[in-house]
Amino acid sequence: MICAVVLAAGLSRRMGTQKLLLPFAGKTVVAHIVDQIIASTVDDVHVVVGHEGGQVSRELSDRPVSVVTNPDYKSGMLSSVRCGLTALGQQCRAVLVVLGDQPSITSKLIDQMLESFTTTEKQILVPFYNGRRGHPVLFSAGYRDEILTHYDDVGLRGLLHAHPDEVFELRVPSSAVLLDMDCPEDYRRQLALIEEENARKENYR
């Protein structure tokens, strides 16, 4: 079983409003990214909430996901990763950690990652675009205890640095893996990306 942990607990300080509830492609940002994950071959989805968690949870109430509350969300992203990992069942063999503010990630990309993970002998997979590593990150559930007890200062980057020989860099054709939403300019960039994608689809019809 491959499980997804969606990080949706942040404070949205630089955005000035709860960025996960901003409109995106006829939905909200968090609903859009969760729907992309649900549409992929991921088996189980856990969404970790914190700041304005009640509103984020209500936005996902009609979707087949489990919501996990991180009471320590102000301490940073790693605390949310750990909350998500703690909630996963023992049958989970691999974990996809997804940023809740990266709505241009598609189900097609997720499926590409999952397929590559099953064929490589590596235990960690990261998307790679234009010489840079991005998100989501996919790794064996065998690292769960290690992440729960290590890397307090560096987060998941610490896992990649600790096991460089186990990292597979999957080259992808889209810059979406490098782009999240921290400020209004980032949000406008994400909206432009989805408009370009919709226009491309129209041209193929």
C-alpha atoms as a PDB file:
ATOM      1  CA  MET A   1       0.000   0.000   0.000  1.00  0.00           C
ATOM      2  CA  ILE A   2       1.274   3.458  -0.906  1.00  0.00           C
ATOM      3  CA  CYS A   3       0.101   6.238   1.393  1.00  0.00           C
ATOM      4  CA  ALA A   4       0.135   9.994   0.909  1.00  0.00           C
ATOM      5  CA  VAL A   5       0.708  12.541   3.652  1.00  0.00           C
ATOM      6  CA  VAL A   6      -0.476  16.011   2.648  1.00  0.00           C
ATOM      7  CA  LEU A   7       1.063  18.862   4.636  1.00  0.00           C
ATOM      8  CA  ALA A   8      -1.734  21.388   5.205  1.00  0.00           C
ATOM      9  CA  ALA A   9      -0.958  22.822   8.639  1.00  0.00           C
ATOM     10  CA  GLY A  10       1.159  25.904   7.928  1.00  0.00           C
ATOM     11  CA  LEU A  11       0.546  29.455   9.134  1.00  0.00           C
ATOM     12  CA  SER A  12       0.401  31.142   5.686  1.00  0.00           C
ATOM     13  CA  ARG A  13       2.143  34.190   7.145  1.00  0.00           C
ATOM     14  CA  ARG A  14       3.609  35.546   3.926  1.00  0.00           C
ATOM     15  CA  MET A  15       0.369  35.056   2.005  1.00  0.00           C
ATOM     16  CA  GLY A  16      -1.581  37.140   4.514  1.00  0.00           C
ATOM     17  CA  THR A  17      -4.547  34.755   4.408  1.00  0.00           C
ATOM     18  CA  GLN A  18      -5.120  30.997   4.600  1.00  0.00           C
ATOM     19  CA  LYS A  19      -3.555  30.089   1.261  1.00  0.00           C
ATOM     20  CA  LEU A  20      -4.987  26.583   1.157  1.00  0.00           C
ATOM     21  CA  LEU A  21      -8.501  28.020   0.953  1.00  0.00           C
ATOM     22  CA  LEU A  22      -7.780  30.370  -1.951  1.00  0.00           C
ATOM     23  CA  PRO A  23      -9.732  29.603  -5.155  1.00  0.00           C
ATOM     24  CA  PHE A  24      -7.995  27.399  -7.682  1.00  0.00           C
ATOM     25  CA  ALA A  25      -9.422  25.712 -10.802  1.00  0.00           C
ATOM     26  CA  GLY A  26     -12.988  25.975  -9.527  1.00  0.00           C
ATOM     27  CA  LYS A  27     -12.096  24.603  -6.095  1.00  0.00           C
ATOM     28  CA  THR A  28      -9.776  25.629  -3.307  1.00  0.00           C
ATOM     29  CA  VAL A  29      -6.034  25.033  -3.399  1.00  0.00           C
ATOM     30  CA  VAL A  30      -6.156  22.193  -0.871  1.00  0.00           C
ATOM     31  CA  ALA A  31      -9.194  20.531  -2.479  1.00  0.00           C
ATOM     32  CA  HIS A  32      -7.514  20.631  -5.878  1.00  0.00           C
ATOM     33  CA  ILE A  33      -4.280  19.002  -4.754  1.00  0.00           C
ATOM     34  CA  VAL A  34      -6.136  16.386  -2.695  1.00  0.00           C
ATOM     35  CA  ASP A  35      -8.324  15.544  -5.691  1.00  0.00           C
ATOM     36  CA  GLN A  36      -5.218  15.048  -7.825  1.00  0.00           C
ATOM     37  CA  ILE A  37      -3.875  12.593  -5.262  1.00  0.00           C
ATOM     38  CA  ILE A  38      -7.202  10.758  -5.024  1.00  0.00           C
ATOM     39  CA  ALA A  39      -7.267  10.466  -8.829  1.00  0.00           C
ATOM     40  CA  SER A  40      -3.828   8.822  -8.791  1.00  0.00           C
ATOM     41  CA  THR A  41      -2.969   5.252  -7.829  1.00  0.00           C
ATOM     42  CA  VAL A  42      -2.158   6.241  -4.227  1.00  0.00           C
ATOM     43  CA  ASP A  43      -4.044   3.888  -1.895  1.00  0.00           C
ATOM     44  CA  ASP A  44      -4.561   6.001   1.214  1.00  0.00           C
ATOM     45  CA  VAL A  45      -4.533   9.764   1.863  1.00  0.00           C
ATOM     46  CA  HIS A  46      -3.874  11.521   5.169  1.00  0.00           C
ATOM     47  CA  VAL A  47      -4.111  15.304   5.410  1.00  0.00           C
ATOM     48  CA  VAL A  48      -2.305  16.973   8.311  1.00  0.00           C
ATOM     49  CA  VAL A  49      -3.977  20.203   9.431  1.00  0.00           C
ATOM     50  CA  GLY A  50      -3.078  22.823  12.013  1.00  0.00           C
ATOM     51  CA  HIS A  51      -3.604  26.547  11.401  1.00  0.00           C
ATOM     52  CA  GLU A  52      -7.337  27.080  10.756  1.00  0.00           C
ATOM     53  CA  GLY A  53      -7.575  23.321  10.685  1.00  0.00           C
ATOM     54  CA  GLY A  54     -11.329  23.286  11.119  1.00  0.00           C
ATOM     55  CA  GLN A  55     -11.882  25.233   7.902  1.00  0.00           C
ATOM     56  CA  VAL A  56      -9.421  23.099   5.965  1.00  0.00           C
ATOM     57  CA  SER A  57     -11.033  19.915   7.310  1.00  0.00           C
ATOM     58  CA  ARG A  58     -14.515  21.076   6.301  1.00  0.00           C
ATOM     59  CA  GLU A  59     -13.252  21.743   2.795  1.00  0.00           C
ATOM     60  CA  LEU A  60     -12.311  18.060   2.521  1.00  0.00           C
ATOM     61  CA  SER A  61     -15.233  16.568   4.455  1.00  0.00           C
ATOM     62  CA  ASP A  62     -16.769  14.869   1.394  1.00  0.00           C
ATOM     63  CA  ARG A  63     -13.535  13.289   0.212  1.00  0.00           C
ATOM     64  CA  PRO A  64     -12.142   9.847   1.152  1.00  0.00           C
ATOM     65  CA  VAL A  65      -9.252  11.131   3.234  1.00  0.00           C
ATOM     66  CA  SER A  66      -8.221  10.932   6.866  1.00  0.00           C
ATOM     67  CA  VAL A  67      -7.584  14.242   8.619  1.00  0.00           C
ATOM     68  CA  VAL A  68      -4.855  14.379  11.255  1.00  0.00           C
ATOM     69  CA  THR A  69      -4.467  17.397  13.540  1.00  0.00           C
ATOM     70  CA  ASN A  70      -0.979  18.574  14.391  1.00  0.00           C
ATOM     71  CA  PRO A  71      -1.151  20.398  17.743  1.00  0.00           C
ATOM     72  CA  ASP A  72       2.469  21.487  17.339  1.00  0.00           C
ATOM     73  CA  TYR A  73       2.149  22.895  13.807  1.00  0.00           C
ATOM     74  CA  LYS A  74       3.870  26.181  14.724  1.00  0.00           C
ATOM     75  CA  SER A  75       7.142  24.307  15.213  1.00  0.00           C
ATOM     76  CA  GLY A  76       7.502  23.643  11.501  1.00  0.00           C
ATOM     77  CA  MET A  77       6.933  21.241   8.641  1.00  0.00           C
ATOM     78  CA  LEU A  78       8.737  18.251  10.122  1.00  0.00           C
ATOM     79  CA  SER A  79       6.222  18.104  12.973  1.00  0.00           C
ATOM     80  CA  SER A  80       3.454  17.664  10.389  1.00  0.00           C
ATOM     81  CA  VAL A  81       5.400  14.993   8.546  1.00  0.00           C
ATOM     82  CA  ARG A  82       5.772  13.121  11.826  1.00  0.00           C
ATOM     83  CA  CYS A  83       2.063  13.458  12.642  1.00  0.00           C
ATOM     84  CA  GLY A  84       1.213  11.994   9.266  1.00  0.00           C
ATOM     85  CA  LEU A  85       3.683   9.126   9.616  1.00  0.00           C
ATOM     86  CA  THR A  86       2.370   8.271  13.066  1.00  0.00           C
ATOM     87  CA  ALA A  87      -1.158   8.001  11.680  1.00  0.00           C
ATOM     88  CA  LEU A  88      -0.253   5.531   8.922  1.00  0.00           C
ATOM     89  CA  GLY A  89      -1.154   1.875   9.245  1.00  0.00           C
ATOM     90  CA  GLN A  90       1.451  -0.886   9.314  1.00  0.00           C
ATOM     91  CA  GLN A  91       0.367  -2.033   5.847  1.00  0.00           C
ATOM     92  CA  CYS A  92       1.813   1.137   4.336  1.00  0.00           C
ATOM     93  CA  ARG A  93       5.006   0.233   2.453  1.00  0.00           C
ATOM     94  CA  ALA A  94       5.824   3.618   0.913  1.00  0.00           C
ATOM     95  CA  VAL A  95       4.976   7.225   1.761  1.00  0.00           C
ATOM     96  CA  LEU A  96       4.390  10.154  -0.585  1.00  0.00           C
ATOM     97  CA  VAL A  97       4.807  13.483   1.220  1.00  0.00           C
ATOM     98  CA  VAL A  98       2.932  16.215  -0.651  1.00  0.00           C
ATOM     99  CA  LEU A  99       2.944  19.953  -0.015  1.00  0.00           C
ATOM    100  CA  GLY A 100      -0.601  21.255   0.382  1.00  0.00           C
ATOM    101  CA  ASP A 101       0.354  24.499  -1.354  1.00  0.00           C
ATOM    102  CA  GLN A 102       1.653  22.948  -4.577  1.00  0.00           C
ATOM    103  CA  PRO A 103      -1.596  22.721  -6.587  1.00  0.00           C
ATOM    104  CA  SER A 104      -0.015  22.380 -10.041  1.00  0.00           C
ATOM    105  CA  ILE A 105       1.122  18.851  -9.131  1.00  0.00           C
ATOM    106  CA  THR A 106      -0.964  16.414 -11.187  1.00  0.00           C
ATOM    107  CA  SER A 107      -2.197  12.861 -10.769  1.00  0.00           C
ATOM    108  CA  LYS A 108      -0.187  12.001 -13.905  1.00  0.00           C
ATOM    109  CA  LEU A 109       3.039  13.109 -12.230  1.00  0.00           C
ATOM    110  CA  ILE A 110       2.192  11.214  -9.042  1.00  0.00           C
ATOM    111  CA  ASP A 111       1.516   8.035 -11.010  1.00  0.00           C
ATOM    112  CA  GLN A 112       4.801   8.492 -12.866  1.00  0.00           C
ATOM    113  CA  MET A 113       6.600   8.713  -9.530  1.00  0.00           C
ATOM    114  CA  LEU A 114       4.864   5.660  -8.124  1.00  0.00           C
ATOM    115  CA  GLU A 115       5.567   3.583 -11.228  1.00  0.00           C
ATOM    116  CA  SER A 116       9.239   4.557 -11.199  1.00  0.00           C
ATOM    117  CA  PHE A 117       9.490   3.741  -7.507  1.00  0.00           C
ATOM    118  CA  THR A 118       8.285   0.193  -8.123  1.00  0.00           C
ATOM    119  CA  THR A 119      10.910  -0.383 -10.811  1.00  0.00           C
ATOM    120  CA  THR A 120      13.944   1.216  -9.181  1.00  0.00           C
ATOM    121  CA  GLU A 121      15.917  -0.480  -6.442  1.00  0.00           C
ATOM    122  CA  LYS A 122      16.298   2.839  -4.628  1.00  0.00           C
ATOM    123  CA  GLN A 123      14.339   3.538  -1.443  1.00  0.00           C
ATOM    124  CA  ILE A 124      13.826   7.297  -1.933  1.00  0.00           C
ATOM    125  CA  LEU A 125      12.531   9.085  -5.027  1.00  0.00           C
ATOM    126  CA  VAL A 126      12.477  12.814  -5.745  1.00  0.00           C
ATOM    127  CA  PRO A 127      11.312  14.624  -8.896  1.00  0.00           C
ATOM    128  CA  PHE A 128      14.148  16.432 -10.669  1.00  0.00           C
ATOM    129  CA  TYR A 129      13.752  19.420 -12.980  1.00  0.00           C
ATOM    130  CA  ASN A 130      16.385  21.665 -14.526  1.00  0.00           C
ATOM    131  CA  GLY A 131      19.088  20.520 -12.142  1.00  0.00           C
ATOM    132  CA  ARG A 132      17.008  20.895  -8.986  1.00  0.00           C
ATOM    133  CA  ARG A 133      15.158  18.491  -6.706  1.00  0.00           C
ATOM    134  CA  GLY A 134      11.536  19.212  -5.912  1.00  0.00           C
ATOM    135  CA  HIS A 135       8.386  17.818  -4.287  1.00  0.00           C
ATOM    136  CA  PRO A 136       6.558  15.537  -3.652  1.00  0.00           C
ATOM    137  CA  VAL A 137       9.033  13.145  -2.027  1.00  0.00           C
ATOM    138  CA  LEU A 138       8.424   9.391  -2.044  1.00  0.00           C
ATOM    139  CA  PHE A 139      10.225   7.020   0.299  1.00  0.00           C
ATOM    140  CA  SER A 140      10.045   3.570   1.833  1.00  0.00           C
ATOM    141  CA  ALA A 141       8.017   3.306   5.024  1.00  0.00           C
ATOM    142  CA  GLY A 142      11.089   1.611   6.476  1.00  0.00           C
ATOM    143  CA  TYR A 143      12.413   5.109   7.172  1.00  0.00           C
ATOM    144  CA  ARG A 144       9.450   6.001   9.370  1.00  0.00           C
ATOM    145  CA  ASP A 145      11.163   5.517  12.740  1.00  0.00           C
ATOM    146  CA  GLU A 146      14.265   7.325  11.517  1.00  0.00           C
ATOM    147  CA  ILE A 147      12.238  10.384  10.512  1.00  0.00           C
ATOM    148  CA  LEU A 148      10.330  10.324  13.796  1.00  0.00           C
ATOM    149  CA  THR A 149      13.560  10.551  15.789  1.00  0.00           C
ATOM    150  CA  HIS A 150      16.045  12.420  13.576  1.00  0.00           C
ATOM    151  CA  TYR A 151      16.506  15.527  11.432  1.00  0.00           C
ATOM    152  CA  ASP A 152      14.977  18.056  13.812  1.00  0.00           C
ATOM    153  CA  ASP A 153      16.987  20.910  12.323  1.00  0.00           C
ATOM    154  CA  VAL A 154      16.836  20.036   8.622  1.00  0.00           C
ATOM    155  CA  GLY A 155      13.581  18.173   8.012  1.00  0.00           C
ATOM    156  CA  LEU A 156      13.273  15.611   5.219  1.00  0.00           C
ATOM    157  CA  ARG A 157      16.382  16.993   3.529  1.00  0.00           C
ATOM    158  CA  GLY A 158      18.240  15.209   6.294  1.00  0.00           C
ATOM    159  CA  LEU A 159      16.893  11.860   5.101  1.00  0.00           C
ATOM    160  CA  LEU A 160      18.150  12.506   1.573  1.00  0.00           C
ATOM    161  CA  HIS A 161      21.553  13.620   2.828  1.00  0.00           C
ATOM    162  CA  ALA A 162      21.861  10.611   5.145  1.00  0.00           C
ATOM    163  CA  HIS A 163      21.127   8.118   2.346  1.00  0.00           C
ATOM    164  CA  PRO A 164      22.512   9.605  -0.893  1.00  0.00           C
ATOM    165  CA  ASP A 165      22.988   6.198  -2.513  1.00  0.00           C
ATOM    166  CA  GLU A 166      19.295   5.405  -2.013  1.00  0.00           C
ATOM    167  CA  VAL A 167      17.990   8.528  -3.771  1.00  0.00           C
ATOM    168  CA  PHE A 168      16.609   8.218  -7.301  1.00  0.00           C
ATOM    169  CA  GLU A 169      16.148  11.504  -9.149  1.00  0.00           C
ATOM    170  CA  LEU A 170      13.220  11.198 -11.538  1.00  0.00           C
ATOM    171  CA  ARG A 171      13.561  13.709 -14.349  1.00  0.00           C
ATOM    172  CA  VAL A 172      10.216  15.379 -15.042  1.00  0.00           C
ATOM    173  CA  PRO A 173       9.148  17.816 -17.798  1.00  0.00           C
ATOM    174  CA  SER A 174       7.423  20.385 -15.588  1.00  0.00           C
ATOM    175  CA  SER A 175       8.672  23.084 -13.223  1.00  0.00           C
ATOM    176  CA  ALA A 176       5.589  22.418 -11.066  1.00  0.00           C
ATOM    177  CA  VAL A 177       7.703  20.221  -8.780  1.00  0.00           C
ATOM    178  CA  LEU A 178       9.765  23.289  -7.778  1.00  0.00           C
ATOM    179  CA  LEU A 179       6.894  25.704  -7.175  1.00  0.00           C
ATOM    180  CA  ASP A 180       4.924  26.113  -3.970  1.00  0.00           C
ATOM    181  CA  MET A 181       2.909  29.093  -2.712  1.00  0.00           C
ATOM    182  CA  ASP A 182       4.349  31.319  -0.014  1.00  0.00           C
ATOM    183  CA  CYS A 183       3.308  34.803  -1.151  1.00  0.00           C
ATOM    184  CA  PRO A 184       0.703  36.400  -3.479  1.00  0.00           C
ATOM    185  CA  GLU A 185       3.174  36.390  -6.373  1.00  0.00           C
ATOM    186  CA  ASP A 186       3.550  32.620  -6.030  1.00  0.00           C
ATOM    187  CA  TYR A 187      -0.228  32.232  -6.079  1.00  0.00           C
ATOM    188  CA  ARG A 188      -0.495  34.260  -9.287  1.00  0.00           C
ATOM    189  CA  ARG A 189       2.199  32.069 -10.834  1.00  0.00           C
ATOM    190  CA  GLN A 190       0.235  28.940  -9.953  1.00  0.00           C
ATOM    191  CA  LEU A 191      -2.927  30.404 -11.480  1.00  0.00           C
ATOM    192  CA  ALA A 192      -1.005  31.178 -14.668  1.00  0.00           C
ATOM    193  CA  LEU A 193       0.249  27.593 -14.832  1.00  0.00           C
ATOM    194  CA  ILE A 194      -3.238  26.122 -14.602  1.00  0.00           C
ATOM    195  CA  GLU A 195      -4.518  28.565 -17.219  1.00  0.00           C
ATOM    196  CA  GLU A 196      -1.737  27.472 -19.573  1.00  0.00           C
ATOM    197  CA  GLU A 197      -2.566  23.821 -18.955  1.00  0.00           C
ATOM    198  CA  ASN A 198      -6.267  24.399 -19.627  1.00  0.00           C
ATOM    199  CA  ALA A 199      -5.463  26.279 -22.827  1.00  0.00           C
ATOM    200  CA  ARG A 200      -3.233  23.413 -23.946  1.00  0.00           C
ATOM    201  CA  LYS A 201      -6.045  20.931 -23.365  1.00  0.00           C
ATOM    202  CA  GLU A 202      -8.457  23.100 -25.379  1.00  0.00           C
ATOM    203  CA  ASN A 203      -6.038  23.139 -28.304  1.00  0.00           C
ATOM    204  CA  TYR A 204      -5.939  19.344 -28.357  1.00  0.00           C
ATOM    205  CA  ARG A 205      -9.719  19.040 -28.641  1.00  0.00           C
END
